[in-house]
Amino acid sequence: MTSRRPAIALCLGLLAAFAVITPLVWVINTLDWGILMMFVAPFAVYGLIRLGRRLAEWAGVGPPPPSY
């Protein structure tokens, strides 16, 4: 039986990205002070990248760890 972890990780990652990026883009686009959220956007993207790496590690599909 195949593992469902990769599919679960993908769904969770997409859901998290949608939940973070959609309100951020809406605030930037619609509110006058939204342009200040441009300073928050890099941290949000960085957090999503870290989440994606953690989910890939949990699912067992991530890249191998670096060998030093």
PDB file of N, CA and C in Angstrom:
ATOM      1  N   MET A   1       0.848  -1.179   0.000  1.00  0.00           N
ATOM      2  CA  MET A   1       0.000   0.000   0.000  1.00  0.00           C
ATOM      3  C   MET A   1       0.892   1.241   0.000  1.00  0.00           C
ATOM      4  N   THR A   2       0.567   2.174  -0.837  1.00  0.00           N
ATOM      5  CA  THR A   2       1.368   3.393  -0.932  1.00  0.00           C
ATOM      6  C   THR A   2       1.014   4.352   0.190  1.00  0.00           C
ATOM      7  N   SER A   3       1.976   5.174   0.512  1.00  0.00           N
ATOM      8  CA  SER A   3       1.777   6.153   1.575  1.00  0.00           C
ATOM      9  C   SER A   3       0.975   7.338   1.051  1.00  0.00           C
ATOM     10  N   ARG A   4       0.117   7.852   1.884  1.00  0.00           N
ATOM     11  CA  ARG A   4      -0.679   9.028   1.513  1.00  0.00           C
ATOM     12  C   ARG A   4      -0.029  10.321   1.988  1.00  0.00           C
ATOM     13  N   ARG A   5       1.109  10.206   2.646  1.00  0.00           N
ATOM     14  CA  ARG A   5       1.756  11.394   3.190  1.00  0.00           C
ATOM     15  C   ARG A   5       2.093  12.447   2.140  1.00  0.00           C
ATOM     16  N   PRO A   6       2.609  12.085   0.963  1.00  0.00           N
ATOM     17  CA  PRO A   6       2.880  13.140  -0.023  1.00  0.00           C
ATOM     18  C   PRO A   6       1.635  13.915  -0.442  1.00  0.00           C
ATOM     19  N   ALA A   7       0.521  13.232  -0.617  1.00  0.00           N
ATOM     20  CA  ALA A   7      -0.718  13.914  -1.004  1.00  0.00           C
ATOM     21  C   ALA A   7      -1.233  14.804   0.128  1.00  0.00           C
ATOM     22  N   ILE A   8      -1.129  14.327   1.356  1.00  0.00           N
ATOM     23  CA  ILE A   8      -1.556  15.129   2.501  1.00  0.00           C
ATOM     24  C   ILE A   8      -0.669  16.357   2.639  1.00  0.00           C
ATOM     25  N   ALA A   9       0.641  16.166   2.478  1.00  0.00           N
ATOM     26  CA  ALA A   9       1.578  17.289   2.583  1.00  0.00           C
ATOM     27  C   ALA A   9       1.304  18.324   1.497  1.00  0.00           C
ATOM     28  N   LEU A  10       1.029  17.884   0.300  1.00  0.00           N
ATOM     29  CA  LEU A  10       0.722  18.806  -0.786  1.00  0.00           C
ATOM     30  C   LEU A  10      -0.548  19.597  -0.498  1.00  0.00           C
ATOM     31  N   CYS A  11      -1.586  18.918  -0.051  1.00  0.00           N
ATOM     32  CA  CYS A  11      -2.847  19.601   0.269  1.00  0.00           C
ATOM     33  C   CYS A  11      -2.672  20.607   1.403  1.00  0.00           C
ATOM     34  N   LEU A  12      -1.936  20.233   2.439  1.00  0.00           N
ATOM     35  CA  LEU A  12      -1.697  21.148   3.548  1.00  0.00           C
ATOM     36  C   LEU A  12      -0.864  22.352   3.110  1.00  0.00           C
ATOM     37  N   GLY A  13       0.132  22.121   2.271  1.00  0.00           N
ATOM     38  CA  GLY A  13       0.953  23.221   1.773  1.00  0.00           C
ATOM     39  C   GLY A  13       0.158  24.189   0.913  1.00  0.00           C
ATOM     40  N   LEU A  14      -0.669  23.665   0.030  1.00  0.00           N
ATOM     41  CA  LEU A  14      -1.502  24.524  -0.811  1.00  0.00           C
ATOM     42  C   LEU A  14      -2.523  25.291   0.020  1.00  0.00           C
ATOM     43  N   LEU A  15      -3.107  24.634   1.001  1.00  0.00           N
ATOM     44  CA  LEU A  15      -4.065  25.301   1.874  1.00  0.00           C
ATOM     45  C   LEU A  15      -3.400  26.419   2.675  1.00  0.00           C
ATOM     46  N   ALA A  16      -2.205  26.162   3.200  1.00  0.00           N
ATOM     47  CA  ALA A  16      -1.474  27.189   3.954  1.00  0.00           C
ATOM     48  C   ALA A  16      -1.094  28.358   3.051  1.00  0.00           C
ATOM     49  N   ALA A  17      -0.631  28.069   1.837  1.00  0.00           N
ATOM     50  CA  ALA A  17      -0.254  29.134   0.909  1.00  0.00           C
ATOM     51  C   ALA A  17      -1.472  29.991   0.555  1.00  0.00           C
ATOM     52  N   PHE A  18      -2.589  29.353   0.303  1.00  0.00           N
ATOM     53  CA  PHE A  18      -3.810  30.097  -0.014  1.00  0.00           C
ATOM     54  C   PHE A  18      -4.257  30.942   1.172  1.00  0.00           C
ATOM     55  N   ALA A  19      -4.166  30.371   2.378  1.00  0.00           N
ATOM     56  CA  ALA A  19      -4.613  31.078   3.580  1.00  0.00           C
ATOM     57  C   ALA A  19      -3.709  32.255   3.929  1.00  0.00           C
ATOM     58  N   VAL A  20      -2.448  32.204   3.545  1.00  0.00           N
ATOM     59  CA  VAL A  20      -1.518  33.295   3.863  1.00  0.00           C
ATOM     60  C   VAL A  20      -1.478  34.336   2.751  1.00  0.00           C
ATOM     61  N   ILE A  21      -1.363  33.901   1.514  1.00  0.00           N
ATOM     62  CA  ILE A  21      -1.143  34.819   0.398  1.00  0.00           C
ATOM     63  C   ILE A  21      -2.418  35.590   0.033  1.00  0.00           C
ATOM     64  N   THR A  22      -3.558  34.940   0.050  1.00  0.00           N
ATOM     65  CA  THR A  22      -4.792  35.605  -0.360  1.00  0.00           C
ATOM     66  C   THR A  22      -5.120  36.834   0.495  1.00  0.00           C
ATOM     67  N   PRO A  23      -5.149  36.733   1.828  1.00  0.00           N
ATOM     68  CA  PRO A  23      -5.425  37.954   2.604  1.00  0.00           C
ATOM     69  C   PRO A  23      -4.325  39.002   2.459  1.00  0.00           C
ATOM     70  N   LEU A  24      -3.087  38.566   2.347  1.00  0.00           N
ATOM     71  CA  LEU A  24      -1.981  39.505   2.187  1.00  0.00           C
ATOM     72  C   LEU A  24      -2.129  40.305   0.894  1.00  0.00           C
ATOM     73  N   VAL A  25      -2.432  39.641  -0.186  1.00  0.00           N
ATOM     74  CA  VAL A  25      -2.624  40.312  -1.470  1.00  0.00           C
ATOM     75  C   VAL A  25      -3.846  41.217  -1.426  1.00  0.00           C
ATOM     76  N   TRP A  26      -4.914  40.771  -0.791  1.00  0.00           N
ATOM     77  CA  TRP A  26      -6.130  41.578  -0.700  1.00  0.00           C
ATOM     78  C   TRP A  26      -5.868  42.879   0.065  1.00  0.00           C
ATOM     79  N   VAL A  27      -5.141  42.779   1.187  1.00  0.00           N
ATOM     80  CA  VAL A  27      -4.842  43.977   1.977  1.00  0.00           C
ATOM     81  C   VAL A  27      -3.944  44.926   1.198  1.00  0.00           C
ATOM     82  N   ILE A  28      -2.927  44.392   0.531  1.00  0.00           N
ATOM     83  CA  ILE A  28      -2.022  45.233  -0.254  1.00  0.00           C
ATOM     84  C   ILE A  28      -2.795  45.950  -1.360  1.00  0.00           C
ATOM     85  N   ASN A  29      -3.742  45.267  -1.960  1.00  0.00           N
ATOM     86  CA  ASN A  29      -4.457  45.812  -3.111  1.00  0.00           C
ATOM     87  C   ASN A  29      -5.569  46.790  -2.730  1.00  0.00           C
ATOM     88  N   THR A  30      -6.228  46.593  -1.604  1.00  0.00           N
ATOM     89  CA  THR A  30      -7.446  47.349  -1.340  1.00  0.00           C
ATOM     90  C   THR A  30      -7.325  48.452  -0.294  1.00  0.00           C
ATOM     91  N   LEU A  31      -6.439  48.339   0.652  1.00  0.00           N
ATOM     92  CA  LEU A  31      -6.364  49.326   1.723  1.00  0.00           C
ATOM     93  C   LEU A  31      -5.245  50.329   1.470  1.00  0.00           C
ATOM     94  N   ASP A  32      -5.464  51.550   1.922  1.00  0.00           N
ATOM     95  CA  ASP A  32      -4.464  52.592   1.704  1.00  0.00           C
ATOM     96  C   ASP A  32      -3.144  52.279   2.391  1.00  0.00           C
ATOM     97  N   TRP A  33      -3.204  51.733   3.574  1.00  0.00           N
ATOM     98  CA  TRP A  33      -1.979  51.402   4.295  1.00  0.00           C
ATOM     99  C   TRP A  33      -1.455  50.019   3.919  1.00  0.00           C
ATOM    100  N   GLY A  34      -2.106  49.366   2.981  1.00  0.00           N
ATOM    101  CA  GLY A  34      -1.714  48.021   2.571  1.00  0.00           C
ATOM    102  C   GLY A  34      -0.319  47.932   2.000  1.00  0.00           C
ATOM    103  N   ILE A  35       0.165  49.047   1.452  1.00  0.00           N
ATOM    104  CA  ILE A  35       1.508  49.014   0.875  1.00  0.00           C
ATOM    105  C   ILE A  35       2.545  48.717   1.950  1.00  0.00           C
ATOM    106  N   LEU A  36       2.240  49.042   3.195  1.00  0.00           N
ATOM    107  CA  LEU A  36       3.151  48.697   4.283  1.00  0.00           C
ATOM    108  C   LEU A  36       3.288  47.181   4.462  1.00  0.00           C
ATOM    109  N   MET A  37       2.278  46.457   4.001  1.00  0.00           N
ATOM    110  CA  MET A  37       2.334  45.002   4.091  1.00  0.00           C
ATOM    111  C   MET A  37       3.367  44.411   3.141  1.00  0.00           C
ATOM    112  N   MET A  38       3.869  45.223   2.227  1.00  0.00           N
ATOM    113  CA  MET A  38       4.945  44.751   1.342  1.00  0.00           C
ATOM    114  C   MET A  38       6.183  44.386   2.152  1.00  0.00           C
ATOM    115  N   PHE A  39       6.326  44.994   3.326  1.00  0.00           N
ATOM    116  CA  PHE A  39       7.443  44.640   4.190  1.00  0.00           C
ATOM    117  C   PHE A  39       7.224  43.298   4.880  1.00  0.00           C
ATOM    118  N   VAL A  40       5.988  42.874   4.994  1.00  0.00           N
ATOM    119  CA  VAL A  40       5.645  41.600   5.618  1.00  0.00           C
ATOM    120  C   VAL A  40       5.720  40.453   4.612  1.00  0.00           C
ATOM    121  N   ALA A  41       5.506  40.751   3.352  1.00  0.00           N
ATOM    122  CA  ALA A  41       5.425  39.719   2.316  1.00  0.00           C
ATOM    123  C   ALA A  41       6.657  38.819   2.253  1.00  0.00           C
ATOM    124  N   PRO A  42       7.887  39.338   2.303  1.00  0.00           N
ATOM    125  CA  PRO A  42       9.041  38.423   2.247  1.00  0.00           C
ATOM    126  C   PRO A  42       9.073  37.436   3.412  1.00  0.00           C
ATOM    127  N   PHE A  43       8.655  37.883   4.595  1.00  0.00           N
ATOM    128  CA  PHE A  43       8.643  36.982   5.750  1.00  0.00           C
ATOM    129  C   PHE A  43       7.564  35.915   5.598  1.00  0.00           C
ATOM    130  N   ALA A  44       6.443  36.289   5.009  1.00  0.00           N
ATOM    131  CA  ALA A  44       5.377  35.319   4.764  1.00  0.00           C
ATOM    132  C   ALA A  44       5.833  34.266   3.760  1.00  0.00           C
ATOM    133  N   VAL A  45       6.509  34.700   2.713  1.00  0.00           N
ATOM    134  CA  VAL A  45       6.996  33.758   1.706  1.00  0.00           C
ATOM    135  C   VAL A  45       8.073  32.858   2.297  1.00  0.00           C
ATOM    136  N   TYR A  46       8.954  33.436   3.098  1.00  0.00           N
ATOM    137  CA  TYR A  46       9.993  32.639   3.751  1.00  0.00           C
ATOM    138  C   TYR A  46       9.368  31.583   4.660  1.00  0.00           C
ATOM    139  N   GLY A  47       8.345  31.972   5.405  1.00  0.00           N
ATOM    140  CA  GLY A  47       7.653  31.016   6.265  1.00  0.00           C
ATOM    141  C   GLY A  47       6.996  29.899   5.477  1.00  0.00           C
ATOM    142  N   LEU A  48       6.428  30.237   4.334  1.00  0.00           N
ATOM    143  CA  LEU A  48       5.810  29.202   3.489  1.00  0.00           C
ATOM    144  C   LEU A  48       6.861  28.261   2.911  1.00  0.00           C
ATOM    145  N   ILE A  49       8.025  28.791   2.569  1.00  0.00           N
ATOM    146  CA  ILE A  49       9.102  27.934   2.071  1.00  0.00           C
ATOM    147  C   ILE A  49       9.557  26.972   3.169  1.00  0.00           C
ATOM    148  N   ARG A  50       9.714  27.490   4.388  1.00  0.00           N
ATOM    149  CA  ARG A  50      10.113  26.630   5.512  1.00  0.00           C
ATOM    150  C   ARG A  50       9.054  25.559   5.771  1.00  0.00           C
ATOM    151  N   LEU A  51       7.775  25.952   5.706  1.00  0.00           N
ATOM    152  CA  LEU A  51       6.686  24.994   5.899  1.00  0.00           C
ATOM    153  C   LEU A  51       6.731  23.916   4.819  1.00  0.00           C
ATOM    154  N   GLY A  52       6.959  24.327   3.577  1.00  0.00           N
ATOM    155  CA  GLY A  52       7.041  23.356   2.486  1.00  0.00           C
ATOM    156  C   GLY A  52       8.173  22.361   2.677  1.00  0.00           C
ATOM    157  N   ARG A  53       9.307  22.845   3.147  1.00  0.00           N
ATOM    158  CA  ARG A  53      10.436  21.932   3.405  1.00  0.00           C
ATOM    159  C   ARG A  53      10.110  20.971   4.535  1.00  0.00           C
ATOM    160  N   ARG A  54       9.465  21.483   5.584  1.00  0.00           N
ATOM    161  CA  ARG A  54       9.078  20.604   6.688  1.00  0.00           C
ATOM    162  C   ARG A  54       8.067  19.554   6.240  1.00  0.00           C
ATOM    163  N   LEU A  55       7.100  19.967   5.436  1.00  0.00           N
ATOM    164  CA  LEU A  55       6.106  19.018   4.942  1.00  0.00           C
ATOM    165  C   LEU A  55       6.745  17.978   4.032  1.00  0.00           C
ATOM    166  N   ALA A  56       7.694  18.398   3.197  1.00  0.00           N
ATOM    167  CA  ALA A  56       8.384  17.450   2.319  1.00  0.00           C
ATOM    168  C   ALA A  56       9.207  16.463   3.150  1.00  0.00           C
ATOM    169  N   GLU A  57       9.825  16.959   4.198  1.00  0.00           N
ATOM    170  CA  GLU A  57      10.588  16.074   5.084  1.00  0.00           C
ATOM    171  C   GLU A  57       9.670  15.079   5.770  1.00  0.00           C
ATOM    172  N   TRP A  58       8.515  15.554   6.231  1.00  0.00           N
ATOM    173  CA  TRP A  58       7.546  14.683   6.886  1.00  0.00           C
ATOM    174  C   TRP A  58       7.012  13.626   5.914  1.00  0.00           C
ATOM    175  N   ALA A  59       6.797  14.038   4.664  1.00  0.00           N
ATOM    176  CA  ALA A  59       6.260  13.118   3.663  1.00  0.00           C
ATOM    177  C   ALA A  59       7.323  12.171   3.128  1.00  0.00           C
ATOM    178  N   GLY A  60       8.583  12.502   3.350  1.00  0.00           N
ATOM    179  CA  GLY A  60       9.657  11.634   2.872  1.00  0.00           C
ATOM    180  C   GLY A  60       9.967  11.829   1.407  1.00  0.00           C
ATOM    181  N   VAL A  61       9.665  13.000   0.849  1.00  0.00           N
ATOM    182  CA  VAL A  61       9.919  13.243  -0.574  1.00  0.00           C
ATOM    183  C   VAL A  61      10.885  14.402  -0.782  1.00  0.00           C
ATOM    184  N   GLY A  62      11.447  14.919   0.275  1.00  0.00           N
ATOM    185  CA  GLY A  62      12.339  16.066   0.154  1.00  0.00           C
ATOM    186  C   GLY A  62      13.698  15.677  -0.388  1.00  0.00           C
ATOM    187  N   PRO A  63      14.495  16.675  -0.700  1.00  0.00           N
ATOM    188  CA  PRO A  63      15.853  16.389  -1.168  1.00  0.00           C
ATOM    189  C   PRO A  63      16.672  15.808  -0.034  1.00  0.00           C
ATOM    190  N   PRO A  64      17.706  15.069  -0.358  1.00  0.00           N
ATOM    191  CA  PRO A  64      18.544  14.503   0.705  1.00  0.00           C
ATOM    192  C   PRO A  64      19.255  15.611   1.468  1.00  0.00           C
ATOM    193  N   PRO A  65      19.557  15.376   2.730  1.00  0.00           N
ATOM    194  CA  PRO A  65      20.247  16.406   3.506  1.00  0.00           C
ATOM    195  C   PRO A  65      21.656  16.630   2.949  1.00  0.00           C
ATOM    196  N   PRO A  66      22.152  17.849   3.081  1.00  0.00           N
ATOM    197  CA  PRO A  66      23.490  18.132   2.542  1.00  0.00           C
ATOM    198  C   PRO A  66      24.564  17.385   3.312  1.00  0.00           C
ATOM    199  N   SER A  67      25.563  16.948   2.600  1.00  0.00           N
ATOM    200  CA  SER A  67      26.685  16.261   3.256  1.00  0.00           C
ATOM    201  C   SER A  67      27.857  17.210   3.290  1.00  0.00           C
ATOM    202  N   TYR A  68      28.337  17.495   4.470  1.00  0.00           N
ATOM    203  CA  TYR A  68      29.433  18.432   4.633  1.00  0.00           C
ATOM    204  C   TYR A  68      30.739  17.723   4.839  1.00  0.00           C
TER     205      TYR A  68
END
